[in-house]
Amino acid sequence: MRCASSTLVDTYADGRIKLHVTRCGLAMRREAHLLFLEGTYRPIDGGEHVVAFERAHGSKRLVCIAPRLTWKLAGEPRWPLGEVWGDPRHRGRARALAERVHRRAVRG
């Protein structure tokens, strides 16, 4: 499924963006049902502002990463985008999380 469009972001107050994310998550669960029914669950430490976990079944992997408490990062009413995540205090955890997801060193 495609990511949320700017229209969904621009109209976040009406709840369509939340519905879109929920629909995408349910579609993924339907498509990869064995990951959820028989797969292992492993939480991933993403720090204070990230919730993440991995599901694994055979050679299949699914990593879910979601922001948490973004108002502390961005302040209201800003979206937590761009430079908010570029703060040096978050780079270490973000890099470690990306390396876990990709199972290799991340450059940059």
Protein backbone atom coordinates (compact mmCIF):
# COMPACT_ATOMS: atom_id res chain seq x y z
CA MET A 1 0.00 0.00 0.00
CA ARG A 2 1.09 3.53 -0.63
CA CYS A 3 2.14 5.86 2.15
CA ALA A 4 -0.12 8.66 3.28
CA SER A 5 -0.39 11.46 0.77
CA SER A 6 -0.04 15.13 1.56
CA THR A 7 -3.84 15.33 1.42
CA LEU A 8 -4.09 13.00 4.41
CA VAL A 9 -1.48 15.01 6.30
CA ASP A 10 -3.20 18.27 5.44
CA THR A 11 -6.54 16.96 6.73
CA TYR A 12 -5.26 15.02 9.75
CA ALA A 13 -7.90 16.49 12.07
CA ASP A 14 -10.74 14.58 10.38
CA GLY A 15 -9.18 11.20 11.23
CA ARG A 16 -8.65 9.89 7.68
CA ILE A 17 -4.92 9.55 8.21
CA LYS A 18 -5.47 7.34 11.27
CA LEU A 19 -7.94 5.23 9.30
CA HIS A 20 -5.41 4.91 6.46
CA VAL A 21 -2.64 3.72 8.80
CA THR A 22 -5.03 1.24 10.45
CA ARG A 23 -6.17 -0.07 7.05
CA CYS A 24 -2.55 -0.51 5.91
CA GLY A 25 -1.65 -2.38 9.10
CA LEU A 26 -4.63 -4.72 8.79
CA ALA A 27 -3.83 -5.37 5.11
CA MET A 28 -0.25 -6.27 6.07
CA ARG A 29 -1.53 -8.62 8.77
CA ARG A 30 -3.82 -10.30 6.24
CA GLU A 31 -1.05 -10.63 3.62
CA ALA A 32 1.56 -11.91 6.09
CA HIS A 33 -0.74 -13.78 8.45
CA LEU A 34 1.83 -16.47 9.39
CA LEU A 35 4.17 -13.80 10.73
CA PHE A 36 1.47 -12.83 13.22
CA LEU A 37 -0.01 -16.27 13.94
CA GLU A 38 3.15 -18.39 14.19
CA GLY A 39 6.04 -15.94 14.09
CA THR A 40 8.26 -14.77 16.89
CA TYR A 41 7.93 -11.32 18.42
CA ARG A 42 10.98 -9.30 19.44
CA PRO A 43 10.73 -5.77 20.81
CA ILE A 44 13.38 -3.35 19.52
CA ASP A 45 14.64 -0.59 21.79
CA GLY A 46 14.22 2.64 19.85
CA GLY A 47 14.54 5.04 22.76
CA GLU A 48 11.98 7.39 24.25
CA HIS A 49 10.49 8.53 20.95
CA VAL A 50 10.26 5.28 18.99
CA VAL A 51 8.24 2.10 19.47
CA ALA A 52 9.52 -0.79 17.34
CA PHE A 53 9.28 -4.55 17.09
CA GLU A 54 10.20 -7.36 14.74
CA ARG A 55 8.11 -10.35 13.73
CA ALA A 56 9.89 -13.32 12.15
CA HIS A 57 8.70 -16.57 10.62
CA GLY A 58 11.08 -18.69 8.56
CA SER A 59 12.89 -16.38 6.15
CA LYS A 60 10.22 -13.66 6.40
CA ARG A 61 10.74 -10.58 8.57
CA LEU A 62 8.56 -7.62 9.38
CA VAL A 63 9.79 -4.61 11.33
CA CYS A 64 7.27 -2.08 12.58
CA ILE A 65 8.53 1.33 13.69
CA ALA A 66 6.29 4.10 15.00
CA PRO A 67 6.99 7.50 16.56
CA ARG A 68 6.04 8.06 20.20
CA LEU A 69 5.56 11.28 22.18
CA THR A 70 6.43 13.37 19.14
CA TRP A 71 5.12 16.55 20.72
CA LYS A 72 8.16 16.45 23.02
CA LEU A 73 10.40 16.47 19.95
CA ALA A 74 8.59 18.89 17.68
CA GLY A 75 6.38 20.86 20.01
CA GLU A 76 2.79 21.50 19.08
CA PRO A 77 1.44 22.09 16.48
CA ARG A 78 4.41 21.04 14.29
CA TRP A 79 4.76 17.72 12.55
CA PRO A 80 7.78 15.70 13.76
CA LEU A 81 9.59 15.81 10.42
CA GLY A 82 13.07 16.54 9.12
CA GLU A 83 15.38 18.30 11.53
CA VAL A 84 13.44 17.09 14.58
CA TRP A 85 14.93 13.62 14.07
CA GLY A 86 18.32 15.06 13.15
CA ASP A 87 19.10 16.13 16.72
CA PRO A 88 22.45 14.61 17.74
CA ARG A 89 20.85 13.14 20.86
CA HIS A 90 18.73 10.87 18.63
CA ARG A 91 21.24 9.94 15.93
CA GLY A 92 22.86 7.15 17.92
CA ARG A 93 19.64 5.29 18.63
CA ALA A 94 18.28 5.93 15.14
CA ARG A 95 21.45 4.56 13.56
CA ALA A 96 21.46 1.49 15.85
CA LEU A 97 17.81 0.83 15.03
CA ALA A 98 18.44 1.19 11.29
CA GLU A 99 21.41 -1.18 11.53
CA ARG A 100 19.28 -3.75 13.30
CA VAL A 101 16.59 -3.45 10.67
CA HIS A 102 19.07 -3.78 7.81
CA ARG A 103 21.40 -6.15 9.71
CA ARG A 104 24.42 -4.20 8.51
CA ALA A 105 26.23 -0.96 9.21
CA VAL A 106 24.47 2.20 8.09
CA ARG A 107 26.59 4.99 6.65
CA GLY A 108 25.89 8.68 6.97
